[in-house]
Full PDB file with SEQRES, HELIX, SHEET, SSBOND, CRYST1, ORIGX, SCALE, CONECT and MASTER records, all heavy atoms in Angstrom:
SEQRES   1 A   43  HIS ARG THR LEU THR HIS THR TRP LEU TRP ALA VAL LEU          
SEQRES   2 A   43  ILE GLY ALA GLY ALA SER VAL LEU ALA ILE THR GLY GLY          
SEQRES   3 A   43  ARG TRP ALA VAL LEU GLY ILE LEU PHE ALA HIS ILE VAL          
SEQRES   4 A   43  LEU ALA ILE GLU                                              
HELIX    1 AA1 LEU A    4  HIS A    6  5                                   3    
HELIX    2 AA2 TRP A    8  THR A   24  1                                  17    
HELIX    3 AA3 GLY A   26  ILE A   42  1                                  17    
CRYST1    1.000    1.000    1.000  90.00  90.00  90.00 P 1           1          
ORIGX1      1.000000  0.000000  0.000000        0.00000                         
ORIGX2      0.000000  1.000000  0.000000        0.00000                         
ORIGX3      0.000000  0.000000  1.000000        0.00000                         
SCALE1      1.000000  0.000000  0.000000        0.00000                         
SCALE2      0.000000  1.000000  0.000000        0.00000                         
SCALE3      0.000000  0.000000  1.000000        0.00000                         
ATOM      1  N   HIS A   1     -12.850 121.131  81.661  1.00  0.00           N  
ATOM      2  CA  HIS A   1     -12.240 122.383  81.209  1.00  0.00           C  
ATOM      3  C   HIS A   1     -12.663 122.714  79.781  1.00  0.00           C  
ATOM      4  O   HIS A   1     -12.730 121.851  78.915  1.00  0.00           O  
ATOM      5  CB  HIS A   1     -10.717 122.282  81.296  1.00  0.00           C  
ATOM      6  CG  HIS A   1     -10.021 123.550  80.902  1.00  0.00           C  
ATOM      7  ND1 HIS A   1     -10.432 124.794  81.321  1.00  0.00           N  
ATOM      8  CD2 HIS A   1      -8.929 123.765  80.110  1.00  0.00           C  
ATOM      9  CE1 HIS A   1      -9.622 125.714  80.824  1.00  0.00           C  
ATOM     10  NE2 HIS A   1      -8.714 125.121  80.082  1.00  0.00           N  
ATOM     11  N   ARG A   2     -12.931 124.001  79.578  1.00  0.00           N  
ATOM     12  CA  ARG A   2     -13.385 124.530  78.282  1.00  0.00           C  
ATOM     13  C   ARG A   2     -14.687 123.881  77.820  1.00  0.00           C  
ATOM     14  O   ARG A   2     -14.835 123.510  76.663  1.00  0.00           O  
ATOM     15  CB  ARG A   2     -12.309 124.379  77.204  1.00  0.00           C  
ATOM     16  CG  ARG A   2     -11.169 125.367  77.364  1.00  0.00           C  
ATOM     17  CD  ARG A   2     -10.431 125.607  76.066  1.00  0.00           C  
ATOM     18  NE  ARG A   2      -9.264 126.437  76.280  1.00  0.00           N  
ATOM     19  CZ  ARG A   2      -8.441 126.840  75.320  1.00  0.00           C  
ATOM     20  NH1 ARG A   2      -8.666 126.462  74.074  1.00  0.00           N  
ATOM     21  NH2 ARG A   2      -7.405 127.592  75.587  1.00  0.00           N  
ATOM     22  N   THR A   3     -15.611 123.768  78.746  1.00  0.00           N  
ATOM     23  CA  THR A   3     -16.946 123.294  78.368  1.00  0.00           C  
ATOM     24  C   THR A   3     -17.980 124.325  78.842  1.00  0.00           C  
ATOM     25  O   THR A   3     -18.094 125.391  78.253  1.00  0.00           O  
ATOM     26  CB  THR A   3     -17.228 121.891  78.923  1.00  0.00           C  
ATOM     27  OG1 THR A   3     -17.018 121.868  80.345  1.00  0.00           O  
ATOM     28  CG2 THR A   3     -16.305 120.861  78.281  1.00  0.00           C  
ATOM     29  N   LEU A   4     -18.712 124.036  79.884  1.00  0.00           N  
ATOM     30  CA  LEU A   4     -19.855 124.848  80.283  1.00  0.00           C  
ATOM     31  C   LEU A   4     -19.508 126.319  80.507  1.00  0.00           C  
ATOM     32  O   LEU A   4     -20.235 127.212  80.058  1.00  0.00           O  
ATOM     33  CB  LEU A   4     -20.469 124.263  81.561  1.00  0.00           C  
ATOM     34  CG  LEU A   4     -21.667 125.016  82.146  1.00  0.00           C  
ATOM     35  CD1 LEU A   4     -22.818 125.052  81.157  1.00  0.00           C  
ATOM     36  CD2 LEU A   4     -22.089 124.385  83.464  1.00  0.00           C  
ATOM     37  N   THR A   5     -18.433 126.602  81.230  1.00  0.00           N  
ATOM     38  CA  THR A   5     -18.100 127.993  81.569  1.00  0.00           C  
ATOM     39  C   THR A   5     -17.507 128.762  80.392  1.00  0.00           C  
ATOM     40  O   THR A   5     -17.244 129.957  80.520  1.00  0.00           O  
ATOM     41  CB  THR A   5     -17.119 128.054  82.750  1.00  0.00           C  
ATOM     42  OG1 THR A   5     -15.901 127.395  82.387  1.00  0.00           O  
ATOM     43  CG2 THR A   5     -17.709 127.388  83.982  1.00  0.00           C  
ATOM     44  N   HIS A   6     -17.307 128.091  79.271  1.00  0.00           N  
ATOM     45  CA  HIS A   6     -16.748 128.737  78.085  1.00  0.00           C  
ATOM     46  C   HIS A   6     -17.798 128.866  76.980  1.00  0.00           C  
ATOM     47  O   HIS A   6     -17.500 128.724  75.798  1.00  0.00           O  
ATOM     48  CB  HIS A   6     -15.545 127.944  77.566  1.00  0.00           C  
ATOM     49  CG  HIS A   6     -14.324 128.084  78.425  1.00  0.00           C  
ATOM     50  ND1 HIS A   6     -14.254 127.575  79.703  1.00  0.00           N  
ATOM     51  CD2 HIS A   6     -13.121 128.679  78.187  1.00  0.00           C  
ATOM     52  CE1 HIS A   6     -13.059 127.850  80.214  1.00  0.00           C  
ATOM     53  NE2 HIS A   6     -12.361 128.525  79.326  1.00  0.00           N  
ATOM     54  N   THR A   7     -19.033 129.174  77.379  1.00  0.00           N  
ATOM     55  CA  THR A   7     -20.129 129.296  76.425  1.00  0.00           C  
ATOM     56  C   THR A   7     -20.827 130.644  76.586  1.00  0.00           C  
ATOM     57  O   THR A   7     -20.742 131.287  77.636  1.00  0.00           O  
ATOM     58  CB  THR A   7     -21.166 128.182  76.643  1.00  0.00           C  
ATOM     59  OG1 THR A   7     -21.788 128.349  77.934  1.00  0.00           O  
ATOM     60  CG2 THR A   7     -20.510 126.806  76.565  1.00  0.00           C  
ATOM     61  N   TRP A   8     -21.528 131.056  75.534  1.00  0.00           N  
ATOM     62  CA  TRP A   8     -22.265 132.323  75.586  1.00  0.00           C  
ATOM     63  C   TRP A   8     -23.354 132.270  76.648  1.00  0.00           C  
ATOM     64  O   TRP A   8     -23.629 133.285  77.303  1.00  0.00           O  
ATOM     65  CB  TRP A   8     -22.877 132.647  74.221  1.00  0.00           C  
ATOM     66  CG  TRP A   8     -24.008 131.725  73.831  1.00  0.00           C  
ATOM     67  CD1 TRP A   8     -23.929 130.554  73.143  1.00  0.00           C  
ATOM     68  CD2 TRP A   8     -25.393 131.895  74.159  1.00  0.00           C  
ATOM     69  NE1 TRP A   8     -25.169 129.972  73.009  1.00  0.00           N  
ATOM     70  CE2 TRP A   8     -26.086 130.783  73.611  1.00  0.00           C  
ATOM     71  CE3 TRP A   8     -26.120 132.869  74.847  1.00  0.00           C  
ATOM     72  CZ2 TRP A   8     -27.471 130.627  73.751  1.00  0.00           C  
ATOM     73  CZ3 TRP A   8     -27.493 132.710  74.977  1.00  0.00           C  
ATOM     74  CH2 TRP A   8     -28.160 131.607  74.426  1.00  0.00           C  
ATOM     75  N   LEU A   9     -23.957 131.104  76.842  1.00  0.00           N  
ATOM     76  CA  LEU A   9     -25.042 130.984  77.808  1.00  0.00           C  
ATOM     77  C   LEU A   9     -24.537 131.229  79.221  1.00  0.00           C  
ATOM     78  O   LEU A   9     -25.191 131.918  80.023  1.00  0.00           O  
ATOM     79  CB  LEU A   9     -25.677 129.601  77.698  1.00  0.00           C  
ATOM     80  CG  LEU A   9     -26.886 129.337  78.602  1.00  0.00           C  
ATOM     81  CD1 LEU A   9     -27.992 130.348  78.340  1.00  0.00           C  
ATOM     82  CD2 LEU A   9     -27.399 127.914  78.410  1.00  0.00           C  
ATOM     83  N   TRP A  10     -23.378 130.680  79.553  1.00  0.00           N  
ATOM     84  CA  TRP A  10     -22.786 130.909  80.868  1.00  0.00           C  
ATOM     85  C   TRP A  10     -22.503 132.395  81.059  1.00  0.00           C  
ATOM     86  O   TRP A  10     -22.775 132.957  82.124  1.00  0.00           O  
ATOM     87  CB  TRP A  10     -21.508 130.100  81.015  1.00  0.00           C  
ATOM     88  CG  TRP A  10     -20.769 130.325  82.296  1.00  0.00           C  
ATOM     89  CD1 TRP A  10     -19.825 131.281  82.540  1.00  0.00           C  
ATOM     90  CD2 TRP A  10     -20.926 129.610  83.525  1.00  0.00           C  
ATOM     91  NE1 TRP A  10     -19.364 131.196  83.823  1.00  0.00           N  
ATOM     92  CE2 TRP A  10     -20.019 130.177  84.457  1.00  0.00           C  
ATOM     93  CE3 TRP A  10     -21.718 128.533  83.922  1.00  0.00           C  
ATOM     94  CZ2 TRP A  10     -19.902 129.709  85.752  1.00  0.00           C  
ATOM     95  CZ3 TRP A  10     -21.602 128.075  85.229  1.00  0.00           C  
ATOM     96  CH2 TRP A  10     -20.704 128.656  86.127  1.00  0.00           C  
ATOM     97  N   ALA A  11     -21.954 133.045  80.030  1.00  0.00           N  
ATOM     98  CA  ALA A  11     -21.636 134.473  80.117  1.00  0.00           C  
ATOM     99  C   ALA A  11     -22.887 135.294  80.398  1.00  0.00           C  
ATOM    100  O   ALA A  11     -22.879 136.197  81.248  1.00  0.00           O  
ATOM    101  CB  ALA A  11     -20.969 134.931  78.822  1.00  0.00           C  
ATOM    102  N   VAL A  12     -23.967 134.986  79.706  1.00  0.00           N  
ATOM    103  CA  VAL A  12     -25.223 135.713  79.908  1.00  0.00           C  
ATOM    104  C   VAL A  12     -25.750 135.483  81.318  1.00  0.00           C  
ATOM    105  O   VAL A  12     -26.193 136.422  82.003  1.00  0.00           O  
ATOM    106  CB  VAL A  12     -26.265 135.282  78.863  1.00  0.00           C  
ATOM    107  CG1 VAL A  12     -27.639 135.836  79.213  1.00  0.00           C  
ATOM    108  CG2 VAL A  12     -25.849 135.756  77.475  1.00  0.00           C  
ATOM    109  N   LEU A  13     -25.705 134.246  81.778  1.00  0.00           N  
ATOM    110  CA  LEU A  13     -26.248 133.920  83.099  1.00  0.00           C  
ATOM    111  C   LEU A  13     -25.469 134.605  84.227  1.00  0.00           C  
ATOM    112  O   LEU A  13     -26.074 135.139  85.170  1.00  0.00           O  
ATOM    113  CB  LEU A  13     -26.257 132.401  83.309  1.00  0.00           C  
ATOM    114  CG  LEU A  13     -27.275 131.619  82.476  1.00  0.00           C  
ATOM    115  CD1 LEU A  13     -27.103 130.116  82.694  1.00  0.00           C  
ATOM    116  CD2 LEU A  13     -28.696 132.047  82.824  1.00  0.00           C  
ATOM    117  N   ILE A  14     -24.144 134.597  84.158  1.00  0.00           N  
ATOM    118  CA  ILE A  14     -23.388 135.222  85.246  1.00  0.00           C  
ATOM    119  C   ILE A  14     -23.498 136.743  85.185  1.00  0.00           C  
ATOM    120  O   ILE A  14     -23.519 137.416  86.219  1.00  0.00           O  
ATOM    121  CB  ILE A  14     -21.909 134.779  85.259  1.00  0.00           C  
ATOM    122  CG1 ILE A  14     -21.182 135.172  83.970  1.00  0.00           C  
ATOM    123  CG2 ILE A  14     -21.782 133.288  85.514  1.00  0.00           C  
ATOM    124  CD1 ILE A  14     -19.684 134.990  84.055  1.00  0.00           C  
ATOM    125  N   GLY A  15     -23.582 137.307  83.967  1.00  0.00           N  
ATOM    126  CA  GLY A  15     -23.773 138.747  83.850  1.00  0.00           C  
ATOM    127  C   GLY A  15     -25.120 139.170  84.406  1.00  0.00           C  
ATOM    128  O   GLY A  15     -25.220 140.130  85.187  1.00  0.00           O  
ATOM    129  N   ALA A  16     -26.169 138.440  84.028  1.00  0.00           N  
ATOM    130  CA  ALA A  16     -27.506 138.752  84.532  1.00  0.00           C  
ATOM    131  C   ALA A  16     -27.593 138.538  86.037  1.00  0.00           C  
ATOM    132  O   ALA A  16     -28.204 139.335  86.765  1.00  0.00           O  
ATOM    133  CB  ALA A  16     -28.540 137.887  83.812  1.00  0.00           C  
ATOM    134  N   GLY A  17     -26.971 137.466  86.515  1.00  0.00           N  
ATOM    135  CA  GLY A  17     -26.983 137.198  87.944  1.00  0.00           C  
ATOM    136  C   GLY A  17     -26.308 138.300  88.742  1.00  0.00           C  
ATOM    137  O   GLY A  17     -26.785 138.694  89.812  1.00  0.00           O  
ATOM    138  N   ALA A  18     -25.193 138.802  88.223  1.00  0.00           N  
ATOM    139  CA  ALA A  18     -24.484 139.888  88.906  1.00  0.00           C  
ATOM    140  C   ALA A  18     -25.325 141.159  88.935  1.00  0.00           C  
ATOM    141  O   ALA A  18     -25.347 141.877  89.945  1.00  0.00           O  
ATOM    142  CB  ALA A  18     -23.148 140.148  88.226  1.00  0.00           C  
ATOM    143  N   SER A  19     -26.026 141.453  87.848  1.00  0.00           N  
ATOM    144  CA  SER A  19     -26.884 142.639  87.813  1.00  0.00           C  
ATOM    145  C   SER A  19     -28.011 142.533  88.829  1.00  0.00           C  
ATOM    146  O   SER A  19     -28.311 143.484  89.554  1.00  0.00           O  
ATOM    147  CB  SER A  19     -27.466 142.825  86.405  1.00  0.00           C  
ATOM    148  OG  SER A  19     -26.480 143.259  85.495  1.00  0.00           O  
ATOM    149  N   VAL A  20     -28.648 141.364  88.885  1.00  0.00           N  
ATOM    150  CA  VAL A  20     -29.727 141.153  89.856  1.00  0.00           C  
ATOM    151  C   VAL A  20     -29.200 141.277  91.280  1.00  0.00           C  
ATOM    152  O   VAL A  20     -29.823 141.920  92.145  1.00  0.00           O  
ATOM    153  CB  VAL A  20     -30.390 139.780  89.637  1.00  0.00           C  
ATOM    154  CG1 VAL A  20     -31.358 139.460  90.774  1.00  0.00           C  
ATOM    155  CG2 VAL A  20     -31.109 139.739  88.299  1.00  0.00           C  
ATOM    156  N   LEU A  21     -28.038 140.689  91.540  1.00  0.00           N  
ATOM    157  CA  LEU A  21     -27.443 140.770  92.877  1.00  0.00           C  
ATOM    158  C   LEU A  21     -27.126 142.214  93.245  1.00  0.00           C  
ATOM    159  O   LEU A  21     -27.356 142.640  94.386  1.00  0.00           O  
ATOM    160  CB  LEU A  21     -26.171 139.921  92.918  1.00  0.00           C  
ATOM    161  CG  LEU A  21     -25.412 139.885  94.247  1.00  0.00           C  
ATOM    162  CD1 LEU A  21     -26.283 139.264  95.329  1.00  0.00           C  
ATOM    163  CD2 LEU A  21     -24.117 139.082  94.089  1.00  0.00           C  
ATOM    164  N   ALA A  22     -26.622 142.978  92.264  1.00  0.00           N  
ATOM    165  CA  ALA A  22     -26.224 144.357  92.536  1.00  0.00           C  
ATOM    166  C   ALA A  22     -27.416 145.238  92.906  1.00  0.00           C  
ATOM    167  O   ALA A  22     -27.305 146.105  93.786  1.00  0.00           O  
ATOM    168  CB  ALA A  22     -25.502 144.942  91.324  1.00  0.00           C  
ATOM    169  N   ILE A  23     -28.564 145.033  92.252  1.00  0.00           N  
ATOM    170  CA  ILE A  23     -29.714 145.909  92.513  1.00  0.00           C  
ATOM    171  C   ILE A  23     -30.590 145.415  93.660  1.00  0.00           C  
ATOM    172  O   ILE A  23     -31.420 146.160  94.164  1.00  0.00           O  
ATOM    173  CB  ILE A  23     -30.568 146.115  91.245  1.00  0.00           C  
ATOM    174  CG1 ILE A  23     -31.190 144.805  90.769  1.00  0.00           C  
ATOM    175  CG2 ILE A  23     -29.751 146.768  90.152  1.00  0.00           C  
ATOM    176  CD1 ILE A  23     -32.148 144.987  89.602  1.00  0.00           C  
ATOM    177  N   THR A  24     -30.410 144.174  94.076  1.00  0.00           N  
ATOM    178  CA  THR A  24     -31.218 143.645  95.178  1.00  0.00           C  
ATOM    179  C   THR A  24     -30.432 143.500  96.474  1.00  0.00           C  
ATOM    180  O   THR A  24     -31.022 143.497  97.555  1.00  0.00           O  
ATOM    181  CB  THR A  24     -31.817 142.272  94.808  1.00  0.00           C  
ATOM    182  OG1 THR A  24     -30.751 141.343  94.528  1.00  0.00           O  
ATOM    183  CG2 THR A  24     -32.729 142.384  93.598  1.00  0.00           C  
ATOM    184  N   GLY A  25     -29.132 143.382  96.368  1.00  0.00           N  
ATOM    185  CA  GLY A  25     -28.312 143.115  97.556  1.00  0.00           C  
ATOM    186  C   GLY A  25     -27.762 144.332  98.242  1.00  0.00           C  
ATOM    187  O   GLY A  25     -27.124 144.213  99.295  1.00  0.00           O  
ATOM    188  N   GLY A  26     -27.946 145.512  97.655  1.00  0.00           N  
ATOM    189  CA  GLY A  26     -27.485 146.728  98.303  1.00  0.00           C  
ATOM    190  C   GLY A  26     -25.973 146.929  98.230  1.00  0.00           C  
ATOM    191  O   GLY A  26     -25.272 146.284  97.453  1.00  0.00           O  
ATOM    192  N   ARG A  27     -25.495 147.792  99.090  1.00  0.00           N  
ATOM    193  CA  ARG A  27     -24.083 148.195  99.045  1.00  0.00           C  
ATOM    194  C   ARG A  27     -23.132 147.023  99.250  1.00  0.00           C  
ATOM    195  O   ARG A  27     -22.093 146.939  98.597  1.00  0.00           O  
ATOM    196  CB  ARG A  27     -23.825 149.269 100.106  1.00  0.00           C  
ATOM    197  CG  ARG A  27     -22.364 149.729 100.146  1.00  0.00           C  
ATOM    198  CD  ARG A  27     -22.169 150.857 101.141  1.00  0.00           C  
ATOM    199  NE  ARG A  27     -20.762 151.226 101.261  1.00  0.00           N  
ATOM    200  CZ  ARG A  27     -20.102 152.016 100.429  1.00  0.00           C  
ATOM    201  NH1 ARG A  27     -20.728 152.515  99.381  1.00  0.00           N  
ATOM    202  NH2 ARG A  27     -18.829 152.314 100.626  1.00  0.00           N  
ATOM    203  N   TRP A  28     -23.474 146.108 100.157  1.00  0.00           N  
ATOM    204  CA  TRP A  28     -22.553 145.006 100.434  1.00  0.00           C  
ATOM    205  C   TRP A  28     -22.428 144.066  99.246  1.00  0.00           C  
ATOM    206  O   TRP A  28     -21.356 143.491  99.003  1.00  0.00           O  
ATOM    207  CB  TRP A  28     -22.992 144.251 101.683  1.00  0.00           C  
ATOM    208  CG  TRP A  28     -22.747 145.042 102.930  1.00  0.00           C  
ATOM    209  CD1 TRP A  28     -23.662 145.656 103.718  1.00  0.00           C  
ATOM    210  CD2 TRP A  28     -21.461 145.353 103.491  1.00  0.00           C  
ATOM    211  NE1 TRP A  28     -23.054 146.331 104.752  1.00  0.00           N  
ATOM    212  CE2 TRP A  28     -21.703 146.152 104.646  1.00  0.00           C  
ATOM    213  CE3 TRP A  28     -20.149 145.028 103.159  1.00  0.00           C  
ATOM    214  CZ2 TRP A  28     -20.666 146.638 105.452  1.00  0.00           C  
ATOM    215  CZ3 TRP A  28     -19.117 145.506 103.967  1.00  0.00           C  
ATOM    216  CH2 TRP A  28     -19.378 146.289 105.097  1.00  0.00           C  
ATOM    217  N   ALA A  29     -23.496 143.906  98.488  1.00  0.00           N  
ATOM    218  CA  ALA A  29     -23.414 143.086  97.275  1.00  0.00           C  
ATOM    219  C   ALA A  29     -22.513 143.749  96.244  1.00  0.00           C  
ATOM    220  O   ALA A  29     -21.691 143.086  95.604  1.00  0.00           O  
ATOM    221  CB  ALA A  29     -24.816 142.868  96.690  1.00  0.00           C  
ATOM    222  N   VAL A  30     -22.650 145.063  96.095  1.00  0.00           N  
ATOM    223  CA  VAL A  30     -21.787 145.803  95.162  1.00  0.00           C  
ATOM    224  C   VAL A  30     -20.332 145.691  95.594  1.00  0.00           C  
ATOM    225  O   VAL A  30     -19.437 145.450  94.772  1.00  0.00           O  
ATOM    226  CB  VAL A  30     -22.231 147.278  95.077  1.00  0.00           C  
ATOM    227  CG1 VAL A  30     -21.221 148.101  94.280  1.00  0.00           C  
ATOM    228  CG2 VAL A  30     -23.614 147.391  94.441  1.00  0.00           C  
ATOM    229  N   LEU A  31     -20.089 145.846  96.883  1.00  0.00           N  
ATOM    230  CA  LEU A  31     -18.716 145.727  97.389  1.00  0.00           C  
ATOM    231  C   LEU A  31     -18.157 144.329  97.129  1.00  0.00           C  
ATOM    232  O   LEU A  31     -16.983 144.173  96.777  1.00  0.00           O  
ATOM    233  CB  LEU A  31     -18.673 146.031  98.883  1.00  0.00           C  
ATOM    234  CG  LEU A  31     -18.801 147.499  99.285  1.00  0.00           C  
ATOM    235  CD1 LEU A  31     -18.993 147.631 100.791  1.00  0.00           C  
ATOM    236  CD2 LEU A  31     -17.568 148.282  98.824  1.00  0.00           C  
ATOM    237  N   GLY A  32     -18.985 143.302  97.313  1.00  0.00           N  
ATOM    238  CA  GLY A  32     -18.525 141.942  97.062  1.00  0.00           C  
ATOM    239  C   GLY A  32     -18.164 141.717  95.609  1.00  0.00           C  
ATOM    240  O   GLY A  32     -17.137 141.086  95.296  1.00  0.00           O  
ATOM    241  N   ILE A  33     -18.989 142.229  94.698  1.00  0.00           N  
ATOM    242  CA  ILE A  33     -18.703 142.099  93.260  1.00  0.00           C  
ATOM    243  C   ILE A  33     -17.417 142.821  92.907  1.00  0.00           C  
ATOM    244  O   ILE A  33     -16.562 142.292  92.190  1.00  0.00           O  
ATOM    245  CB  ILE A  33     -19.888 142.644  92.438  1.00  0.00           C  
ATOM    246  CG1 ILE A  33     -21.120 141.749  92.611  1.00  0.00           C  
ATOM    247  CG2 ILE A  33     -19.519 142.755  90.961  1.00  0.00           C  
ATOM    248  CD1 ILE A  33     -22.393 142.333  92.038  1.00  0.00           C  
ATOM    249  N   LEU A  34     -17.271 144.040  93.436  1.00  0.00           N  
ATOM    250  CA  LEU A  34     -16.051 144.806  93.156  1.00  0.00           C  
ATOM    251  C   LEU A  34     -14.822 144.101  93.718  1.00  0.00           C  
ATOM    252  O   LEU A  34     -13.802 143.958  93.032  1.00  0.00           O  
ATOM    253  CB  LEU A  34     -16.167 146.210  93.749  1.00  0.00           C  
ATOM    254  CG  LEU A  34     -17.163 147.173  93.107  1.00  0.00           C  
ATOM    255  CD1 LEU A  34     -17.190 148.485  93.862  1.00  0.00           C  
ATOM    256  CD2 LEU A  34     -16.806 147.413  91.646  1.00  0.00           C  
ATOM    257  N   PHE A  35     -14.904 143.658  94.974  1.00  0.00           N  
ATOM    258  CA  PHE A  35     -13.759 143.013  95.607  1.00  0.00           C  
ATOM    259  C   PHE A  35     -13.314 141.781  94.822  1.00  0.00           C  
ATOM    260  O   PHE A  35     -12.123 141.627  94.510  1.00  0.00           O  
ATOM    261  CB  PHE A  35     -14.108 142.620  97.040  1.00  0.00           C  
ATOM    262  CG  PHE A  35     -13.085 141.727  97.694  1.00  0.00           C  
ATOM    263  CD1 PHE A  35     -11.870 142.244  98.117  1.00  0.00           C  
ATOM    264  CD2 PHE A  35     -13.331 140.373  97.874  1.00  0.00           C  
ATOM    265  CE1 PHE A  35     -10.918 141.424  98.708  1.00  0.00           C  
ATOM    266  CE2 PHE A  35     -12.383 139.549  98.468  1.00  0.00           C  
ATOM    267  CZ  PHE A  35     -11.177 140.076  98.884  1.00  0.00           C  
ATOM    268  N   ALA A  36     -14.243 140.896  94.496  1.00  0.00           N  
ATOM    269  CA  ALA A  36     -13.886 139.651  93.810  1.00  0.00           C  
ATOM    270  C   ALA A  36     -13.226 139.925  92.473  1.00  0.00           C  
ATOM    271  O   ALA A  36     -12.210 139.301  92.123  1.00  0.00           O  
ATOM    272  CB  ALA A  36     -15.139 138.800  93.612  1.00  0.00           C  
ATOM    273  N   HIS A  37     -13.753 140.877  91.727  1.00  0.00           N  
ATOM    274  CA  HIS A  37     -13.213 141.117  90.388  1.00  0.00           C  
ATOM    275  C   HIS A  37     -11.927 141.940  90.411  1.00  0.00           C  
ATOM    276  O   HIS A  37     -11.074 141.776  89.529  1.00  0.00           O  
ATOM    277  CB  HIS A  37     -14.282 141.766  89.508  1.00  0.00           C  
ATOM    278  CG  HIS A  37     -15.360 140.812  89.109  1.00  0.00           C  
ATOM    279  ND1 HIS A  37     -16.476 140.587  89.882  1.00  0.00           N  
ATOM    280  CD2 HIS A  37     -15.459 139.979  88.032  1.00  0.00           C  
ATOM    281  CE1 HIS A  37     -17.232 139.682  89.294  1.00  0.00           C  
ATOM    282  NE2 HIS A  37     -16.645 139.291  88.181  1.00  0.00           N  
ATOM    283  N   ILE A  38     -11.770 142.798  91.410  1.00  0.00           N  
ATOM    284  CA  ILE A  38     -10.501 143.519  91.521  1.00  0.00           C  
ATOM    285  C   ILE A  38      -9.384 142.559  91.910  1.00  0.00           C  
ATOM    286  O   ILE A  38      -8.253 142.670  91.401  1.00  0.00           O  
ATOM    287  CB  ILE A  38     -10.626 144.692  92.518  1.00  0.00           C  
ATOM    288  CG1 ILE A  38     -11.532 145.778  91.951  1.00  0.00           C  
ATOM    289  CG2 ILE A  38      -9.246 145.285  92.818  1.00  0.00           C  
ATOM    290  CD1 ILE A  38     -11.852 146.896  92.930  1.00  0.00           C  
ATOM    291  N   VAL A  39      -9.673 141.611  92.809  1.00  0.00           N  
ATOM    292  CA  VAL A  39      -8.675 140.581  93.124  1.00  0.00           C  
ATOM    293  C   VAL A  39      -8.240 139.857  91.855  1.00  0.00           C  
ATOM    294  O   VAL A  39      -7.043 139.682  91.588  1.00  0.00           O  
ATOM    295  CB  VAL A  39      -9.231 139.565  94.147  1.00  0.00           C  
ATOM    296  CG1 VAL A  39      -8.315 138.338  94.237  1.00  0.00           C  
ATOM    297  CG2 VAL A  39      -9.358 140.188  95.524  1.00  0.00           C  
ATOM    298  N   LEU A  40      -9.214 139.441  91.051  1.00  0.00           N  
ATOM    299  CA  LEU A  40      -8.891 138.721  89.821  1.00  0.00           C  
ATOM    300  C   LEU A  40      -8.119 139.607  88.842  1.00  0.00           C  
ATOM    301  O   LEU A  40      -7.196 139.138  88.160  1.00  0.00           O  
ATOM    302  CB  LEU A  40     -10.168 138.204  89.164  1.00  0.00           C  
ATOM    303  CG  LEU A  40     -10.919 137.108  89.919  1.00  0.00           C  
ATOM    304  CD1 LEU A  40     -12.196 136.731  89.180  1.00  0.00           C  
ATOM    305  CD2 LEU A  40     -10.035 135.874  90.104  1.00  0.00           C  
ATOM    306  N   ALA A  41      -8.499 140.888  88.758  1.00  0.00           N  
ATOM    307  CA  ALA A  41      -7.791 141.803  87.857  1.00  0.00           C  
ATOM    308  C   ALA A  41      -6.328 141.945  88.265  1.00  0.00           C  
ATOM    309  O   ALA A  41      -5.423 141.919  87.417  1.00  0.00           O  
ATOM    310  CB  ALA A  41      -8.481 143.162  87.844  1.00  0.00           C  
ATOM    311  N   ILE A  42      -6.085 142.089  89.571  1.00  0.00           N  
ATOM    312  CA  ILE A  42      -4.706 142.206  90.046  1.00  0.00           C  
ATOM    313  C   ILE A  42      -3.946 140.914  89.775  1.00  0.00           C  
ATOM    314  O   ILE A  42      -2.796 140.940  89.311  1.00  0.00           O  
ATOM    315  CB  ILE A  42      -4.688 142.540  91.551  1.00  0.00           C  
ATOM    316  CG1 ILE A  42      -5.302 143.916  91.809  1.00  0.00           C  
ATOM    317  CG2 ILE A  42      -3.246 142.507  92.088  1.00  0.00           C  
ATOM    318  CD1 ILE A  42      -5.523 144.221  93.282  1.00  0.00           C  
ATOM    319  N   GLU A  43      -4.564 139.778  90.054  1.00  0.00           N  
ATOM    320  CA  GLU A  43      -3.912 138.487  89.821  1.00  0.00           C  
ATOM    321  C   GLU A  43      -3.584 138.300  88.340  1.00  0.00           C  
ATOM    322  O   GLU A  43      -2.541 137.739  87.993  1.00  0.00           O  
ATOM    323  CB  GLU A  43      -4.831 137.346  90.292  1.00  0.00           C  
ATOM    324  CG  GLU A  43      -5.029 137.261  91.790  1.00  0.00           C  
ATOM    325  CD  GLU A  43      -3.870 136.571  92.494  1.00  0.00           C  
ATOM    326  OE1 GLU A  43      -2.918 136.136  91.811  1.00  0.00           O  
ATOM    327  OE2 GLU A  43      -3.925 136.471  93.733  1.00  0.00           O  
TER     328      GLU A  43                                                      
MASTER        0    0    0    3    0    0    0    6  327    1    0    4          
END                                                                             
């Protein structure tokens, strides 16, 4: 806890990964990103 996932490098990697997934995976990838993060936002 509070190690790898709490670093700037992790933030950059997951942000970049999400962007790549969004532009290569089509509508279903966008829906998956939205769904996962809206669940977390509500929680």
